[in-house]
Amino acid sequence: MKEELLNDLVAFIHQQSRHFDIPVTTGTSIENDLGITGDDGEDFIIQFSKKYSVDISSFHFTKYFYPEPSMLLIPKEIKILTVGDLMKAIAARRLDDDVING
């Protein structure tokens, strides 16, 4: 069952990112490996939330995604969000720091 869910999530990620040539594992970083960032990162998480019925009300986008590129601001370091974290969120039915770090 876990493998089926992972396969479904990988298909969802490929569809959302349009990067079908990138191998996706539980260790794949959404931002660093897939290049989903800024507003696209927020859109991705919202679509993920809808598809998998995951509560994202306590998810802090700015902790896990860089902002849109700007010459005026220097981005701070972000935390890594992985496909494995999304798997944990599906199981917990919520995506927040406790689930990600738990």
C-alpha atoms as a PDB file:
ATOM      1  CA  MET A   1       0.000   0.000   0.000  1.00  0.00           C
ATOM      2  CA  LYS A   2       2.837   2.388   0.859  1.00  0.00           C
ATOM      3  CA  GLU A   3       4.446   1.662  -2.508  1.00  0.00           C
ATOM      4  CA  GLU A   4       1.148   2.367  -4.308  1.00  0.00           C
ATOM      5  CA  LEU A   5       0.812   5.674  -2.473  1.00  0.00           C
ATOM      6  CA  LEU A   6       4.405   6.603  -3.312  1.00  0.00           C
ATOM      7  CA  ASN A   7       3.814   5.769  -6.989  1.00  0.00           C
ATOM      8  CA  ASP A   8       0.659   7.905  -6.994  1.00  0.00           C
ATOM      9  CA  LEU A   9       2.488  10.769  -5.273  1.00  0.00           C
ATOM     10  CA  VAL A  10       5.381  10.537  -7.745  1.00  0.00           C
ATOM     11  CA  ALA A  11       2.913  10.698 -10.649  1.00  0.00           C
ATOM     12  CA  PHE A  12       1.287  13.741  -9.032  1.00  0.00           C
ATOM     13  CA  ILE A  13       4.694  15.418  -8.573  1.00  0.00           C
ATOM     14  CA  HIS A  14       5.663  14.760 -12.191  1.00  0.00           C
ATOM     15  CA  GLN A  15       2.349  16.174 -13.379  1.00  0.00           C
ATOM     16  CA  GLN A  16       2.635  19.292 -11.204  1.00  0.00           C
ATOM     17  CA  SER A  17       6.330  19.940 -11.867  1.00  0.00           C
ATOM     18  CA  ARG A  18       6.303  18.870 -15.518  1.00  0.00           C
ATOM     19  CA  HIS A  19       9.726  17.301 -14.901  1.00  0.00           C
ATOM     20  CA  PHE A  20       9.074  13.746 -16.042  1.00  0.00           C
ATOM     21  CA  ASP A  21      12.765  12.974 -16.500  1.00  0.00           C
ATOM     22  CA  ILE A  22      13.752  13.483 -12.847  1.00  0.00           C
ATOM     23  CA  PRO A  23      13.718  10.310 -10.728  1.00  0.00           C
ATOM     24  CA  VAL A  24      11.710  10.898  -7.554  1.00  0.00           C
ATOM     25  CA  THR A  25      12.299   9.037  -4.283  1.00  0.00           C
ATOM     26  CA  THR A  26      11.275   9.681  -0.689  1.00  0.00           C
ATOM     27  CA  GLY A  27      14.521  11.644  -0.273  1.00  0.00           C
ATOM     28  CA  THR A  28      13.846  13.987  -3.197  1.00  0.00           C
ATOM     29  CA  SER A  29      13.712  17.652  -2.147  1.00  0.00           C
ATOM     30  CA  ILE A  30      10.763  19.582  -3.525  1.00  0.00           C
ATOM     31  CA  GLU A  31      12.711  22.859  -3.751  1.00  0.00           C
ATOM     32  CA  ASN A  32      16.305  21.784  -4.417  1.00  0.00           C
ATOM     33  CA  ASP A  33      15.874  18.677  -6.570  1.00  0.00           C
ATOM     34  CA  LEU A  34      12.643  19.494  -8.395  1.00  0.00           C
ATOM     35  CA  GLY A  35      13.101  23.263  -8.550  1.00  0.00           C
ATOM     36  CA  ILE A  36       9.587  23.994  -7.304  1.00  0.00           C
ATOM     37  CA  THR A  37       9.979  27.387  -5.641  1.00  0.00           C
ATOM     38  CA  GLY A  38       8.238  30.654  -4.785  1.00  0.00           C
ATOM     39  CA  ASP A  39       4.627  30.943  -5.911  1.00  0.00           C
ATOM     40  CA  ASP A  40       4.922  27.596  -7.699  1.00  0.00           C
ATOM     41  CA  GLY A  41       5.808  25.992  -4.363  1.00  0.00           C
ATOM     42  CA  GLU A  42       2.722  27.452  -2.744  1.00  0.00           C
ATOM     43  CA  ASP A  43       0.540  26.321  -5.651  1.00  0.00           C
ATOM     44  CA  PHE A  44       2.086  22.853  -5.472  1.00  0.00           C
ATOM     45  CA  ILE A  45       1.320  22.477  -1.753  1.00  0.00           C
ATOM     46  CA  ILE A  46      -2.241  23.742  -2.226  1.00  0.00           C
ATOM     47  CA  GLN A  47      -2.843  21.189  -5.001  1.00  0.00           C
ATOM     48  CA  PHE A  48      -1.202  18.478  -2.864  1.00  0.00           C
ATOM     49  CA  SER A  49      -3.516  19.416   0.006  1.00  0.00           C
ATOM     50  CA  LYS A  50      -6.602  19.157  -2.191  1.00  0.00           C
ATOM     51  CA  LYS A  51      -5.635  15.862  -3.826  1.00  0.00           C
ATOM     52  CA  TYR A  52      -4.678  14.076  -0.609  1.00  0.00           C
ATOM     53  CA  SER A  53      -7.038  15.843   1.865  1.00  0.00           C
ATOM     54  CA  VAL A  54      -4.133  17.199   3.911  1.00  0.00           C
ATOM     55  CA  ASP A  55      -4.647  20.168   6.253  1.00  0.00           C
ATOM     56  CA  ILE A  56      -2.042  22.844   5.474  1.00  0.00           C
ATOM     57  CA  SER A  57      -3.406  25.580   7.748  1.00  0.00           C
ATOM     58  CA  SER A  58      -0.278  25.401   9.947  1.00  0.00           C
ATOM     59  CA  PHE A  59       2.221  24.995   7.110  1.00  0.00           C
ATOM     60  CA  HIS A  60       4.634  27.940   6.761  1.00  0.00           C
ATOM     61  CA  PHE A  61       5.487  28.272   3.063  1.00  0.00           C
ATOM     62  CA  THR A  62       8.340  30.708   3.671  1.00  0.00           C
ATOM     63  CA  LYS A  63      10.180  28.137   5.810  1.00  0.00           C
ATOM     64  CA  TYR A  64      10.321  25.612   2.983  1.00  0.00           C
ATOM     65  CA  PHE A  65      10.275  27.607  -0.260  1.00  0.00           C
ATOM     66  CA  TYR A  66      12.414  30.510  -1.414  1.00  0.00           C
ATOM     67  CA  PRO A  67      10.478  33.627  -2.427  1.00  0.00           C
ATOM     68  CA  GLU A  68      10.174  34.697  -6.026  1.00  0.00           C
ATOM     69  CA  PRO A  69      13.530  36.024  -7.304  1.00  0.00           C
ATOM     70  CA  SER A  70      14.170  39.676  -6.543  1.00  0.00           C
ATOM     71  CA  MET A  71      17.197  41.914  -6.790  1.00  0.00           C
ATOM     72  CA  LEU A  72      16.189  43.661  -3.587  1.00  0.00           C
ATOM     73  CA  LEU A  73      16.214  40.798  -1.164  1.00  0.00           C
ATOM     74  CA  ILE A  74      18.702  38.150  -0.245  1.00  0.00           C
ATOM     75  CA  PRO A  75      16.883  34.884   0.474  1.00  0.00           C
ATOM     76  CA  LYS A  76      17.363  33.291   3.858  1.00  0.00           C
ATOM     77  CA  GLU A  77      18.121  29.622   4.244  1.00  0.00           C
ATOM     78  CA  ILE A  78      15.103  27.395   3.981  1.00  0.00           C
ATOM     79  CA  LYS A  79      14.315  24.008   5.508  1.00  0.00           C
ATOM     80  CA  ILE A  80      14.239  20.973   3.270  1.00  0.00           C
ATOM     81  CA  LEU A  81      10.841  19.509   2.368  1.00  0.00           C
ATOM     82  CA  THR A  82      11.067  16.030   0.861  1.00  0.00           C
ATOM     83  CA  VAL A  83       8.723  13.597  -0.809  1.00  0.00           C
ATOM     84  CA  GLY A  84       9.036  11.495   2.356  1.00  0.00           C
ATOM     85  CA  ASP A  85       7.695  14.450   4.348  1.00  0.00           C
ATOM     86  CA  LEU A  86       4.700  14.584   2.011  1.00  0.00           C
ATOM     87  CA  MET A  87       4.150  10.858   2.597  1.00  0.00           C
ATOM     88  CA  LYS A  88       4.141  11.480   6.356  1.00  0.00           C
ATOM     89  CA  ALA A  89       1.689  14.348   5.843  1.00  0.00           C
ATOM     90  CA  ILE A  90      -0.706  12.117   3.918  1.00  0.00           C
ATOM     91  CA  ALA A  91      -0.629   9.575   6.755  1.00  0.00           C
ATOM     92  CA  ALA A  92      -1.136  12.287   9.408  1.00  0.00           C
ATOM     93  CA  ARG A  93      -3.683  14.190   7.265  1.00  0.00           C
ATOM     94  CA  ARG A  94      -1.795  17.412   8.011  1.00  0.00           C
ATOM     95  CA  LEU A  95       1.403  19.149   6.909  1.00  0.00           C
ATOM     96  CA  ASP A  96       3.188  21.141   9.578  1.00  0.00           C
ATOM     97  CA  ASP A  97       6.532  21.310  11.381  1.00  0.00           C
ATOM     98  CA  ASP A  98       5.570  18.562  13.852  1.00  0.00           C
ATOM     99  CA  VAL A  99       4.798  16.100  11.052  1.00  0.00           C
ATOM    100  CA  ILE A 100       7.866  17.069   9.025  1.00  0.00           C
ATOM    101  CA  ASN A 101      10.247  16.904  11.988  1.00  0.00           C
ATOM    102  CA  GLY A 102       8.529  13.962  13.711  1.00  0.00           C
END
